[in-house]
Amino acid sequence: MRRLWGAVFILVLAACNTPATEEPIPTLITLDTFPTAIFLTDNAPPPGFSVFNADPIDVHLSDRQGWTYTVTGSFEGVFDDTGDQAEGIFEAQVWSNELGEARRVVLDVEGSAISPDDLGRRLEGVRISNDFYMVDTNGQCTAGGEGAEIIADLSAGQLIGGVVNAVPTGHRQEIGGVPAWQYTFTLENIRLPAVHRNPSSTVDIQADLWVSPDYNAVLLFEVRADVKQVEILSGERSVTGTLYLRYELDVPQLDVLPNISVPHGC
């Protein structure tokens, strides 16, 4: 994963002409109280959803005809070596037309806490069948190449990770008009590729996971990670602070086929 993010930011830097190991997090999620057995029974999800696995977080979407989701992240804290303020934000928008074998990704990144420097950058990748295209941060489009493949196939699992062995909390709500159930899990069952640890690192996480049995998919996944002495995404310096990550599936666009075409200029 660290290698992938390194490749992503090498592409970005080259476009500007300015020149991972996934480790488990041992802390457990703390909940004020666990729901009673009666509450869980009365508010249980449909049969077959007593345990839910989603690693990567978007794993089941390939069963749908088309879909769209957004992954966002932000960090606020300090650099450990100097104490200076450290910030960073990113957003990845992903569209997929499974029937048409087409995919589009737009990635925006800014801030030296999560990238090699403070410059803001945007990359777009498109895959149509086995053909790949990339629009760099200067708006120039190129066809083919490893860089186009990396951006076009960038996914939520590479950014926000996933969870296994999640169990219902008994809470439910509608998201985009779709019934959803809240799930919880212990932290040995979460994969968080955005955070790169060392022996001195500490990570405490709060997470919110909402699942739609109707679509067999995660509709919303939010993570707050309070971190000490870690590196984030492609950032090259150790930081301490708070990282927020959010994955949101565009429910009205489920099974809608997005119009994905060759980028202008290719």
C-alpha atoms as a PDB file:
ATOM      1  CA  MET A   1       0.000   0.000   0.000  1.00  0.00           C
ATOM      2  CA  ARG A   2       2.830   2.426   0.837  1.00  0.00           C
ATOM      3  CA  ARG A   3       4.347   1.569  -2.522  1.00  0.00           C
ATOM      4  CA  LEU A   4       1.057   2.362  -4.276  1.00  0.00           C
ATOM      5  CA  TRP A   5       0.766   5.769  -2.578  1.00  0.00           C
ATOM      6  CA  GLY A   6       4.382   6.449  -3.401  1.00  0.00           C
ATOM      7  CA  ALA A   7       3.620   5.694  -7.031  1.00  0.00           C
ATOM      8  CA  VAL A   8       0.566   7.950  -6.975  1.00  0.00           C
ATOM      9  CA  PHE A   9       2.515  10.922  -5.675  1.00  0.00           C
ATOM     10  CA  ILE A  10       5.470  10.316  -7.974  1.00  0.00           C
ATOM     11  CA  LEU A  11       2.938  10.652 -10.806  1.00  0.00           C
ATOM     12  CA  VAL A  12       1.553  13.852  -9.321  1.00  0.00           C
ATOM     13  CA  LEU A  13       4.951  15.398  -8.790  1.00  0.00           C
ATOM     14  CA  ALA A  14       6.062  14.501 -12.292  1.00  0.00           C
ATOM     15  CA  ALA A  15       2.930  16.106 -13.697  1.00  0.00           C
ATOM     16  CA  CYS A  16       3.724  19.288 -11.775  1.00  0.00           C
ATOM     17  CA  ASN A  17       7.369  19.184 -12.851  1.00  0.00           C
ATOM     18  CA  THR A  18       8.007  19.532  -9.090  1.00  0.00           C
ATOM     19  CA  PRO A  19       9.836  16.756  -8.531  1.00  0.00           C
ATOM     20  CA  ALA A  20       2.426  -0.012   2.671  1.00  0.00           C
ATOM     21  CA  THR A  21       2.498  -2.030   4.831  1.00  0.00           C
ATOM     22  CA  GLU A  22      -0.918  -2.676   6.331  1.00  0.00           C
ATOM     23  CA  GLU A  23      -0.373  -3.205  10.026  1.00  0.00           C
ATOM     24  CA  PRO A  24      -3.029  -4.210  12.540  1.00  0.00           C
ATOM     25  CA  ILE A  25      -4.079  -1.716  15.199  1.00  0.00           C
ATOM     26  CA  PRO A  26      -4.250  -3.458  18.570  1.00  0.00           C
ATOM     27  CA  THR A  27      -6.516  -1.074  20.529  1.00  0.00           C
ATOM     28  CA  LEU A  28     -10.175  -2.044  21.008  1.00  0.00           C
ATOM     29  CA  ILE A  29     -13.101   0.208  20.185  1.00  0.00           C
ATOM     30  CA  THR A  30     -14.688   1.404  23.414  1.00  0.00           C
ATOM     31  CA  LEU A  31     -18.476   1.551  23.625  1.00  0.00           C
ATOM     32  CA  ASP A  32     -20.359   3.028  26.573  1.00  0.00           C
ATOM     33  CA  THR A  33     -22.564  -0.033  26.867  1.00  0.00           C
ATOM     34  CA  PHE A  34     -23.371  -3.078  24.786  1.00  0.00           C
ATOM     35  CA  PRO A  35     -27.004  -3.461  23.764  1.00  0.00           C
ATOM     36  CA  THR A  36     -29.008  -6.047  25.648  1.00  0.00           C
ATOM     37  CA  ALA A  37     -29.879  -9.355  24.050  1.00  0.00           C
ATOM     38  CA  ILE A  38     -33.543  -8.362  23.854  1.00  0.00           C
ATOM     39  CA  PHE A  39     -32.744  -5.065  22.163  1.00  0.00           C
ATOM     40  CA  LEU A  40     -30.541  -6.850  19.634  1.00  0.00           C
ATOM     41  CA  THR A  41     -33.205  -9.440  18.917  1.00  0.00           C
ATOM     42  CA  ASP A  42     -35.934  -6.852  18.421  1.00  0.00           C
ATOM     43  CA  ASN A  43     -33.744  -4.767  16.114  1.00  0.00           C
ATOM     44  CA  ALA A  44     -31.771  -7.454  14.326  1.00  0.00           C
ATOM     45  CA  PRO A  45     -30.959  -7.129  10.625  1.00  0.00           C
ATOM     46  CA  PRO A  46     -32.388  -9.699   8.183  1.00  0.00           C
ATOM     47  CA  PRO A  47     -31.137 -13.315   8.307  1.00  0.00           C
ATOM     48  CA  GLY A  48     -27.631 -13.730   6.969  1.00  0.00           C
ATOM     49  CA  PHE A  49     -26.393 -10.408   8.373  1.00  0.00           C
ATOM     50  CA  SER A  50     -25.563 -11.319  11.966  1.00  0.00           C
ATOM     51  CA  VAL A  51     -21.904 -10.886  10.966  1.00  0.00           C
ATOM     52  CA  PHE A  52     -20.725  -8.646   8.132  1.00  0.00           C
ATOM     53  CA  ASN A  53     -17.405  -8.637   6.285  1.00  0.00           C
ATOM     54  CA  ALA A  54     -16.356  -5.775   4.041  1.00  0.00           C
ATOM     55  CA  ASP A  55     -12.649  -5.783   3.302  1.00  0.00           C
ATOM     56  CA  PRO A  56     -12.153  -3.859   1.118  1.00  0.00           C
ATOM     57  CA  ILE A  57     -15.006  -1.621   2.203  1.00  0.00           C
ATOM     58  CA  ASP A  58     -16.473  -1.568  -1.330  1.00  0.00           C
ATOM     59  CA  VAL A  59     -16.063  -5.313  -1.896  1.00  0.00           C
ATOM     60  CA  HIS A  60     -19.670  -6.124  -2.808  1.00  0.00           C
ATOM     61  CA  LEU A  61     -20.241  -3.304  -5.286  1.00  0.00           C
ATOM     62  CA  SER A  62     -18.996  -5.345  -8.228  1.00  0.00           C
ATOM     63  CA  ASP A  63     -22.319  -7.224  -7.988  1.00  0.00           C
ATOM     64  CA  ARG A  64     -24.193  -4.034  -8.960  1.00  0.00           C
ATOM     65  CA  GLN A  65     -24.606  -2.707 -12.511  1.00  0.00           C
ATOM     66  CA  GLY A  66     -23.243   0.733 -11.668  1.00  0.00           C
ATOM     67  CA  TRP A  67     -22.348   2.852  -8.657  1.00  0.00           C
ATOM     68  CA  THR A  68     -20.668   5.988  -7.358  1.00  0.00           C
ATOM     69  CA  TYR A  69     -18.945   6.735  -4.066  1.00  0.00           C
ATOM     70  CA  THR A  70     -16.737   9.342  -2.431  1.00  0.00           C
ATOM     71  CA  VAL A  71     -13.866   8.890   0.001  1.00  0.00           C
ATOM     72  CA  THR A  72     -12.667  11.945   1.914  1.00  0.00           C
ATOM     73  CA  GLY A  73      -9.989  12.468   4.517  1.00  0.00           C
ATOM     74  CA  SER A  74      -8.515  15.273   6.580  1.00  0.00           C
ATOM     75  CA  PHE A  75      -5.746  15.556   9.133  1.00  0.00           C
ATOM     76  CA  GLU A  76      -4.993  18.224  11.720  1.00  0.00           C
ATOM     77  CA  GLY A  77      -2.051  18.054  14.073  1.00  0.00           C
ATOM     78  CA  VAL A  78       1.666  18.760  14.323  1.00  0.00           C
ATOM     79  CA  PHE A  79       4.889  17.469  12.838  1.00  0.00           C
ATOM     80  CA  ASP A  80       6.719  15.485  15.491  1.00  0.00           C
ATOM     81  CA  ASP A  81      10.181  16.743  14.559  1.00  0.00           C
ATOM     82  CA  THR A  82       9.426  20.482  14.763  1.00  0.00           C
ATOM     83  CA  GLY A  83       6.032  20.927  16.439  1.00  0.00           C
ATOM     84  CA  ASP A  84       4.868  22.959  13.433  1.00  0.00           C
ATOM     85  CA  GLN A  85       1.250  22.725  12.327  1.00  0.00           C
ATOM     86  CA  ALA A  86       0.533  19.761  10.044  1.00  0.00           C
ATOM     87  CA  GLU A  87      -2.534  19.580   7.803  1.00  0.00           C
ATOM     88  CA  GLY A  88      -3.789  17.664   4.815  1.00  0.00           C
ATOM     89  CA  ILE A  89      -6.985  16.871   2.939  1.00  0.00           C
ATOM     90  CA  PHE A  90      -7.913  14.516   0.122  1.00  0.00           C
ATOM     91  CA  GLU A  91     -10.988  13.481  -1.826  1.00  0.00           C
ATOM     92  CA  ALA A  92     -11.447  10.592  -4.235  1.00  0.00           C
ATOM     93  CA  GLN A  93     -14.600  10.331  -6.338  1.00  0.00           C
ATOM     94  CA  VAL A  94     -15.137   6.969  -8.013  1.00  0.00           C
ATOM     95  CA  TRP A  95     -17.657   6.023 -10.706  1.00  0.00           C
ATOM     96  CA  SER A  96     -18.108   2.529 -12.126  1.00  0.00           C
ATOM     97  CA  ASN A  97     -20.136   1.126 -15.003  1.00  0.00           C
ATOM     98  CA  GLU A  98     -19.828  -2.600 -14.419  1.00  0.00           C
ATOM     99  CA  LEU A  99     -21.853  -3.516 -17.513  1.00  0.00           C
ATOM    100  CA  GLY A 100     -19.750  -1.277 -19.726  1.00  0.00           C
ATOM    101  CA  GLU A 101     -16.462  -2.280 -18.040  1.00  0.00           C
ATOM    102  CA  ALA A 102     -15.664   1.389 -17.457  1.00  0.00           C
ATOM    103  CA  ARG A 103     -14.329   3.226 -14.436  1.00  0.00           C
ATOM    104  CA  ARG A 104     -13.425   6.843 -13.592  1.00  0.00           C
ATOM    105  CA  VAL A 105     -11.532   8.248 -10.590  1.00  0.00           C
ATOM    106  CA  VAL A 106     -10.829  11.869  -9.692  1.00  0.00           C
ATOM    107  CA  LEU A 107      -8.301  12.360  -6.887  1.00  0.00           C
ATOM    108  CA  ASP A 108      -7.612  15.685  -5.153  1.00  0.00           C
ATOM    109  CA  VAL A 109      -4.828  15.974  -2.562  1.00  0.00           C
ATOM    110  CA  GLU A 110      -3.399  18.903  -0.609  1.00  0.00           C
ATOM    111  CA  GLY A 111      -1.152  19.256   2.430  1.00  0.00           C
ATOM    112  CA  SER A 112       2.284  18.025   3.491  1.00  0.00           C
ATOM    113  CA  ALA A 113       0.857  15.966   6.363  1.00  0.00           C
ATOM    114  CA  ILE A 114      -0.391  13.424   3.810  1.00  0.00           C
ATOM    115  CA  SER A 115       1.745  14.141   0.721  1.00  0.00           C
ATOM    116  CA  PRO A 116       5.341  15.144  -0.006  1.00  0.00           C
ATOM    117  CA  ASP A 117       4.584  18.899   0.069  1.00  0.00           C
ATOM    118  CA  ASP A 118       1.818  21.489   0.474  1.00  0.00           C
ATOM    119  CA  LEU A 119       0.911  21.854  -3.191  1.00  0.00           C
ATOM    120  CA  GLY A 120      -2.654  21.043  -4.189  1.00  0.00           C
ATOM    121  CA  ARG A 121      -3.019  18.543  -7.021  1.00  0.00           C
ATOM    122  CA  ARG A 122      -5.695  16.759  -9.039  1.00  0.00           C
ATOM    123  CA  LEU A 123      -5.419  13.584 -11.088  1.00  0.00           C
ATOM    124  CA  GLU A 124      -8.078  11.851 -13.160  1.00  0.00           C
ATOM    125  CA  GLY A 125      -7.910   8.250 -14.303  1.00  0.00           C
ATOM    126  CA  VAL A 126     -10.272   6.471 -16.711  1.00  0.00           C
ATOM    127  CA  ARG A 127     -10.490   2.811 -17.659  1.00  0.00           C
ATOM    128  CA  ILE A 128     -12.645   1.670 -20.588  1.00  0.00           C
ATOM    129  CA  SER A 129     -12.351  -2.083 -20.986  1.00  0.00           C
ATOM    130  CA  ASN A 130      -8.565  -2.630 -21.130  1.00  0.00           C
ATOM    131  CA  ASP A 131      -7.681   0.917 -22.200  1.00  0.00           C
ATOM    132  CA  PHE A 132      -6.405   3.408 -19.593  1.00  0.00           C
ATOM    133  CA  TYR A 133      -6.164   7.203 -19.641  1.00  0.00           C
ATOM    134  CA  MET A 134      -4.835   9.798 -17.197  1.00  0.00           C
ATOM    135  CA  VAL A 135      -5.308  13.550 -16.953  1.00  0.00           C
ATOM    136  CA  ASP A 136      -2.485  15.087 -14.935  1.00  0.00           C
ATOM    137  CA  THR A 137      -2.610  18.109 -12.677  1.00  0.00           C
ATOM    138  CA  ASN A 138      -1.782  20.366 -15.655  1.00  0.00           C
ATOM    139  CA  GLY A 139      -4.796  19.070 -17.591  1.00  0.00           C
ATOM    140  CA  GLN A 140      -2.714  17.045 -20.021  1.00  0.00           C
ATOM    141  CA  CYS A 141      -4.154  13.668 -21.036  1.00  0.00           C
ATOM    142  CA  THR A 142      -2.055  10.614 -21.826  1.00  0.00           C
ATOM    143  CA  ALA A 143      -3.177   7.166 -22.965  1.00  0.00           C
ATOM    144  CA  GLY A 144      -1.809   4.000 -21.429  1.00  0.00           C
ATOM    145  CA  GLY A 145       1.004   3.490 -18.981  1.00  0.00           C
ATOM    146  CA  GLU A 146       1.308   2.356 -15.387  1.00  0.00           C
ATOM    147  CA  GLY A 147       0.306   5.754 -14.020  1.00  0.00           C
ATOM    148  CA  ALA A 148      -3.045   5.688 -15.793  1.00  0.00           C
ATOM    149  CA  GLU A 149      -3.737   2.191 -14.493  1.00  0.00           C
ATOM    150  CA  ILE A 150      -2.888   3.133 -10.889  1.00  0.00           C
ATOM    151  CA  ILE A 151      -5.215   6.153 -10.831  1.00  0.00           C
ATOM    152  CA  ALA A 152      -8.073   4.551 -12.773  1.00  0.00           C
ATOM    153  CA  ASP A 153      -8.107   1.518 -10.455  1.00  0.00           C
ATOM    154  CA  LEU A 154      -7.683   3.458  -7.194  1.00  0.00           C
ATOM    155  CA  SER A 155     -10.346   2.249  -4.747  1.00  0.00           C
ATOM    156  CA  ALA A 156     -11.818   2.890  -1.319  1.00  0.00           C
ATOM    157  CA  GLY A 157     -10.082  -0.203  -0.005  1.00  0.00           C
ATOM    158  CA  GLN A 158      -6.713   1.336  -0.793  1.00  0.00           C
ATOM    159  CA  LEU A 159      -7.641   4.579   0.946  1.00  0.00           C
ATOM    160  CA  ILE A 160      -9.845   3.696   3.901  1.00  0.00           C
ATOM    161  CA  GLY A 161      -9.375  -0.091   4.154  1.00  0.00           C
ATOM    162  CA  GLY A 162     -12.110  -2.369   5.426  1.00  0.00           C
ATOM    163  CA  VAL A 163     -13.465  -4.425   8.306  1.00  0.00           C
ATOM    164  CA  VAL A 164     -14.270  -8.055   9.055  1.00  0.00           C
ATOM    165  CA  ASN A 165     -16.398  -9.794  11.681  1.00  0.00           C
ATOM    166  CA  ALA A 166     -18.552  -6.710  12.298  1.00  0.00           C
ATOM    167  CA  VAL A 167     -21.707  -7.322  14.349  1.00  0.00           C
ATOM    168  CA  PRO A 168     -24.948  -5.308  14.653  1.00  0.00           C
ATOM    169  CA  THR A 169     -25.422  -2.820  17.486  1.00  0.00           C
ATOM    170  CA  GLY A 170     -29.211  -2.937  17.240  1.00  0.00           C
ATOM    171  CA  HIS A 171     -29.457   0.584  15.849  1.00  0.00           C
ATOM    172  CA  ARG A 172     -30.975   1.234  12.449  1.00  0.00           C
ATOM    173  CA  GLN A 173     -31.973   4.170  10.262  1.00  0.00           C
ATOM    174  CA  GLU A 174     -32.685   5.024   6.648  1.00  0.00           C
ATOM    175  CA  ILE A 175     -29.874   6.396   4.497  1.00  0.00           C
ATOM    176  CA  GLY A 176     -31.004   7.753   1.157  1.00  0.00           C
ATOM    177  CA  GLY A 177     -34.339   6.023   1.692  1.00  0.00           C
ATOM    178  CA  VAL A 178     -32.677   2.623   2.209  1.00  0.00           C
ATOM    179  CA  PRO A 179     -32.885   0.725   5.545  1.00  0.00           C
ATOM    180  CA  ALA A 180     -29.450   0.466   7.146  1.00  0.00           C
ATOM    181  CA  TRP A 181     -28.115  -1.179  10.304  1.00  0.00           C
ATOM    182  CA  GLN A 182     -25.202   0.023  12.399  1.00  0.00           C
ATOM    183  CA  TYR A 183     -22.342  -2.426  13.026  1.00  0.00           C
ATOM    184  CA  THR A 184     -19.402  -2.453  15.413  1.00  0.00           C
ATOM    185  CA  PHE A 185     -16.142  -4.398  15.561  1.00  0.00           C
ATOM    186  CA  THR A 186     -12.917  -4.783  17.494  1.00  0.00           C
ATOM    187  CA  LEU A 187      -9.869  -3.055  16.137  1.00  0.00           C
ATOM    188  CA  GLU A 188      -7.976  -6.181  15.259  1.00  0.00           C
ATOM    189  CA  ASN A 189     -10.712  -6.516  12.629  1.00  0.00           C
ATOM    190  CA  ILE A 190     -10.176  -3.141  10.935  1.00  0.00           C
ATOM    191  CA  ARG A 191      -7.621  -2.495   8.215  1.00  0.00           C
ATOM    192  CA  LEU A 192      -6.516   1.141   7.984  1.00  0.00           C
ATOM    193  CA  PRO A 193      -3.963   1.512   5.173  1.00  0.00           C
ATOM    194  CA  ALA A 194      -3.802   5.312   5.479  1.00  0.00           C
ATOM    195  CA  VAL A 195      -1.876   5.054   8.766  1.00  0.00           C
ATOM    196  CA  HIS A 196       1.729   3.843   8.756  1.00  0.00           C
ATOM    197  CA  ARG A 197       2.963   2.915  12.229  1.00  0.00           C
ATOM    198  CA  ASN A 198       6.324   2.420  13.879  1.00  0.00           C
ATOM    199  CA  PRO A 199       7.178   0.886  17.278  1.00  0.00           C
ATOM    200  CA  SER A 200       6.551   4.239  19.016  1.00  0.00           C
ATOM    201  CA  SER A 201       3.151   4.872  17.408  1.00  0.00           C
ATOM    202  CA  THR A 202      -0.201   4.858  19.138  1.00  0.00           C
ATOM    203  CA  VAL A 203      -3.582   4.873  17.427  1.00  0.00           C
ATOM    204  CA  ASP A 204      -7.028   5.191  19.025  1.00  0.00           C
ATOM    205  CA  ILE A 205     -10.034   4.804  16.764  1.00  0.00           C
ATOM    206  CA  GLN A 206     -13.739   5.569  16.837  1.00  0.00           C
ATOM    207  CA  ALA A 207     -15.726   4.273  13.884  1.00  0.00           C
ATOM    208  CA  ASP A 208     -19.278   4.257  12.548  1.00  0.00           C
ATOM    209  CA  LEU A 209     -20.337   1.571  10.052  1.00  0.00           C
ATOM    210  CA  TRP A 210     -23.766   1.406   8.381  1.00  0.00           C
ATOM    211  CA  VAL A 211     -24.742  -1.541   6.188  1.00  0.00           C
ATOM    212  CA  SER A 212     -27.631  -2.114   3.793  1.00  0.00           C
ATOM    213  CA  PRO A 213     -28.768  -5.763   3.717  1.00  0.00           C
ATOM    214  CA  ASP A 214     -30.942  -4.947   0.686  1.00  0.00           C
ATOM    215  CA  TYR A 215     -27.832  -4.093  -1.336  1.00  0.00           C
ATOM    216  CA  ASN A 216     -25.322  -6.176   0.659  1.00  0.00           C
ATOM    217  CA  ALA A 217     -23.151  -3.076   0.801  1.00  0.00           C
ATOM    218  CA  VAL A 218     -21.675  -0.510   3.168  1.00  0.00           C
ATOM    219  CA  LEU A 219     -23.541   2.770   2.773  1.00  0.00           C
ATOM    220  CA  LEU A 220     -21.487   4.861   5.205  1.00  0.00           C
ATOM    221  CA  PHE A 221     -18.188   4.302   7.017  1.00  0.00           C
ATOM    222  CA  GLU A 222     -16.610   7.010   9.168  1.00  0.00           C
ATOM    223  CA  VAL A 223     -13.372   6.800  11.133  1.00  0.00           C
ATOM    224  CA  ARG A 224     -11.771   9.148  13.624  1.00  0.00           C
ATOM    225  CA  ALA A 225      -8.194   8.151  14.433  1.00  0.00           C
ATOM    226  CA  ASP A 226      -6.261   9.960  17.167  1.00  0.00           C
ATOM    227  CA  VAL A 227      -2.664   9.178  16.280  1.00  0.00           C
ATOM    228  CA  LYS A 228       0.791   9.747  17.716  1.00  0.00           C
ATOM    229  CA  GLN A 229       4.030   9.411  15.772  1.00  0.00           C
ATOM    230  CA  VAL A 230       2.677   7.986  12.527  1.00  0.00           C
ATOM    231  CA  GLU A 231       3.006   8.766   8.839  1.00  0.00           C
ATOM    232  CA  ILE A 232      -0.184   9.200   6.803  1.00  0.00           C
ATOM    233  CA  LEU A 233      -0.749   8.150   3.196  1.00  0.00           C
ATOM    234  CA  SER A 234       2.273   9.465   1.264  1.00  0.00           C
ATOM    235  CA  GLY A 235       3.415  11.969   3.869  1.00  0.00           C
ATOM    236  CA  GLU A 236       7.132  11.747   4.540  1.00  0.00           C
ATOM    237  CA  ARG A 237       7.206  13.110   8.124  1.00  0.00           C
ATOM    238  CA  SER A 238       5.914  11.716  11.399  1.00  0.00           C
ATOM    239  CA  VAL A 239       2.826  13.482  12.744  1.00  0.00           C
ATOM    240  CA  THR A 240       0.611  13.547  15.826  1.00  0.00           C
ATOM    241  CA  GLY A 241      -3.023  14.624  15.676  1.00  0.00           C
ATOM    242  CA  THR A 242      -6.433  13.540  14.421  1.00  0.00           C
ATOM    243  CA  LEU A 243      -7.267  11.877  11.119  1.00  0.00           C
ATOM    244  CA  TYR A 244     -10.842  11.814   9.831  1.00  0.00           C
ATOM    245  CA  LEU A 245     -11.841   9.386   7.066  1.00  0.00           C
ATOM    246  CA  ARG A 246     -15.247   8.986   5.423  1.00  0.00           C
ATOM    247  CA  TYR A 247     -16.625   6.606   2.805  1.00  0.00           C
ATOM    248  CA  GLU A 248     -20.091   7.399   1.434  1.00  0.00           C
ATOM    249  CA  LEU A 249     -21.941   5.428  -1.202  1.00  0.00           C
ATOM    250  CA  ASP A 250     -24.236   7.494  -3.415  1.00  0.00           C
ATOM    251  CA  VAL A 251     -27.397   5.485  -2.751  1.00  0.00           C
ATOM    252  CA  PRO A 252     -29.593   7.043  -5.495  1.00  0.00           C
ATOM    253  CA  GLN A 253     -26.903   6.105  -8.050  1.00  0.00           C
ATOM    254  CA  LEU A 254     -26.859   2.398  -7.214  1.00  0.00           C
ATOM    255  CA  ASP A 255     -27.453   0.404 -10.407  1.00  0.00           C
ATOM    256  CA  VAL A 256     -27.400   3.637 -12.426  1.00  0.00           C
ATOM    257  CA  LEU A 257     -24.857   3.417 -15.239  1.00  0.00           C
ATOM    258  CA  PRO A 258     -22.577   6.482 -15.196  1.00  0.00           C
ATOM    259  CA  ASN A 259     -21.530   7.968 -18.511  1.00  0.00           C
ATOM    260  CA  ILE A 260     -17.770   7.372 -18.678  1.00  0.00           C
ATOM    261  CA  SER A 261     -15.868   8.398 -21.792  1.00  0.00           C
ATOM    262  CA  VAL A 262     -12.324   9.024 -22.981  1.00  0.00           C
ATOM    263  CA  PRO A 263     -11.057  12.261 -21.381  1.00  0.00           C
ATOM    264  CA  HIS A 264     -10.781  15.346 -23.551  1.00  0.00           C
ATOM    265  CA  GLY A 265      -7.402  15.591 -25.211  1.00  0.00           C
ATOM    266  CA  CYS A 266      -6.664  11.851 -25.449  1.00  0.00           C
END
